[in-house]
Every structure is written in structure tokens, then in C-alpha cells.
């Protein structure tokens, strides 16, 4: 799902591809362990951004760009189906930070 999309979101919305949770974990002995309550995933890759957003009649540029890895507030995304693929839209204001160095950050893929 990586890459940019042929869409332009509006009203300060960002289209993201949320990182996938690992499906299973194995112990050192090879035993598969299922997670009962996995932590919510709140990292994603930005796939599409708007031209900006208006505040007090002034067009402000978007602070994130396509390809950025971001941390966002959980439970703020809205499902968006484009073609046969499900993506998510969030407001730019719900992005907490851009991950500049992703070493040590699991993307779940």
C-alpha cells in the first residue's frame, strides 16, 4: 500500500496507511503466542495530503508530506475505501509528530 494516491484530501485531512500489528509472536523455543489485548497501532505512513487548510481566510501549508512516517492520536481515524483498498483519513491536527529517524521504531510490516 505504500506510495502516493491519485487523490487530494480536503479540509486539512491526511490519508494514511496505518502500520500493521504483528500477527503472531514466537518464543525462543518456537512456541506461537497470541496477544490477548494488543496495544493500538498509532504509527502510519502518509499517502496523500491537501494543498493546505484555511484559517482566518489564510491558506496554511500542510506540515507533513507524502512518505512521512507519523505518530497520531489513536481512535481519530476514519476509514476511507479507495478502489478495493481501505485507507484512513485523519485531521492534520491529530498528528502528534513526524518520525525523523525510524530506527528502533517497529512498523509492524
Protein backbone atom coordinates (compact mmCIF):
# COMPACT_ATOMS: atom_id res chain seq x y z
CA UNK A 1 0.00 0.00 0.00
CA UNK A 2 2.99 2.29 0.05
CA UNK A 3 3.31 5.20 -2.33
CA UNK A 4 1.13 8.15 -3.16
CA UNK A 5 -2.50 8.06 -4.21
CA UNK A 6 -4.24 9.86 -7.03
CA UNK A 7 -6.46 11.79 -4.60
CA UNK A 8 -6.29 15.20 -2.95
CA UNK A 9 -7.86 15.29 0.51
CA UNK A 10 -9.73 18.42 1.58
CA UNK A 11 -10.29 20.40 4.79
CA UNK A 12 -6.92 19.56 6.36
CA UNK A 13 -7.43 15.78 6.13
CA UNK A 14 -4.45 13.46 5.58
CA UNK A 15 -4.74 9.98 4.01
CA UNK A 16 -2.59 7.43 5.83
CA UNK A 17 -1.68 3.76 5.73
CA UNK A 18 -1.68 2.58 9.36
CA UNK A 19 1.11 0.17 10.27
CA UNK A 20 0.03 -3.43 10.68
CA UNK A 21 0.27 -5.22 14.00
CA UNK A 22 2.41 -8.33 14.01
CA UNK A 23 0.07 -11.31 13.62
CA UNK A 24 1.94 -13.59 15.96
CA UNK A 25 4.92 -13.77 18.28
CA UNK A 26 7.18 -16.76 18.80
CA UNK A 27 9.02 -17.68 21.96
CA UNK A 28 12.70 -18.56 21.83
CA UNK A 29 11.62 -22.21 21.71
CA UNK A 30 9.37 -21.62 18.68
CA UNK A 31 6.02 -21.61 20.51
CA UNK A 32 3.49 -19.27 18.87
CA UNK A 33 1.93 -16.87 21.40
CA UNK A 34 -1.21 -14.88 20.62
CA UNK A 35 -1.66 -11.41 22.09
CA UNK A 36 -4.89 -11.11 24.07
CA UNK A 37 -5.09 -7.29 24.13
CA UNK A 38 -2.60 -5.86 21.66
CA UNK A 39 -1.70 -2.19 22.01
CA UNK A 40 -3.37 0.04 19.41
CA UNK A 41 -1.15 0.97 16.48
CA UNK A 42 -0.73 4.72 16.18
CA UNK A 43 2.03 4.99 13.58
CA UNK A 44 1.42 5.35 9.86
CA UNK A 45 2.80 6.40 6.51
CA UNK A 46 1.33 9.50 4.84
CA UNK A 47 -0.08 8.69 1.39
CA UNK A 48 -1.87 11.93 0.39
CA UNK A 49 -2.02 15.48 1.73
CA UNK A 50 -4.19 18.52 0.96
CA UNK A 51 -2.90 21.74 -0.59
CA UNK A 52 -3.32 23.25 2.87
CA UNK A 53 -6.04 24.39 5.22
CA UNK A 54 -7.73 27.74 5.70
CA UNK A 55 -7.52 29.57 9.00
CA UNK A 56 -8.98 33.07 9.21
CA UNK A 57 -9.05 33.25 5.41
CA UNK A 58 -5.35 32.41 5.05
CA UNK A 59 -4.20 29.21 3.33
CA UNK A 60 -1.69 27.49 5.61
CA UNK A 61 0.55 24.83 4.06
CA UNK A 62 0.40 21.25 5.24
CA UNK A 63 3.19 20.37 7.68
CA UNK A 64 3.51 16.72 6.58
CA UNK A 65 4.37 15.37 3.16
CA UNK A 66 3.73 12.14 1.29
CA UNK A 67 6.05 9.44 2.58
CA UNK A 68 6.42 10.87 6.10
CA UNK A 69 6.12 8.39 8.97
CA UNK A 70 3.90 9.89 11.68
CA UNK A 71 2.53 9.21 15.14
CA UNK A 72 -1.15 10.12 15.52
CA UNK A 73 -3.73 10.19 18.28
CA UNK A 74 -5.44 6.77 18.44
CA UNK A 75 -9.14 6.47 17.62
CA UNK A 76 -9.17 9.64 15.48
CA UNK A 77 -9.05 7.99 12.07
CA UNK A 78 -11.93 7.49 9.65
CA UNK A 79 -11.96 4.55 7.22
CA UNK A 80 -11.80 5.53 3.53
CA UNK A 81 -12.13 2.92 0.79
CA UNK A 82 -10.39 3.89 -2.45
CA UNK A 83 -10.95 1.25 -5.10
CA UNK A 84 -10.69 -2.06 -3.28
CA UNK A 85 -8.20 -0.83 -0.67
CA UNK A 86 -9.03 0.57 2.76
CA UNK A 87 -7.05 3.59 3.91
CA UNK A 88 -7.67 6.01 6.75
CA UNK A 89 -8.17 9.76 6.93
CA UNK A 90 -7.18 11.88 9.91
CA UNK A 91 -7.11 15.61 10.55
CA UNK A 92 -3.68 17.15 10.40
CA UNK A 93 -4.24 18.40 13.95
CA UNK A 94 -4.40 14.79 15.19
CA UNK A 95 -0.83 14.10 14.08
CA UNK A 96 1.40 14.22 17.13
CA UNK A 97 4.78 14.14 15.40
CA UNK A 98 6.77 13.18 12.33
CA UNK A 99 9.25 10.34 12.89
CA UNK A 100 12.55 11.67 11.56
CA UNK A 101 14.58 8.58 12.44
CA UNK A 102 12.67 5.33 12.35
CA UNK A 103 15.49 3.11 13.62
CA UNK A 104 14.14 1.15 16.55
CA UNK A 105 10.52 2.00 15.68
CA UNK A 106 8.63 -1.11 14.66
CA UNK A 107 6.39 -0.58 11.67
CA UNK A 108 4.74 -3.96 12.11
CA UNK A 109 5.45 -4.94 8.48
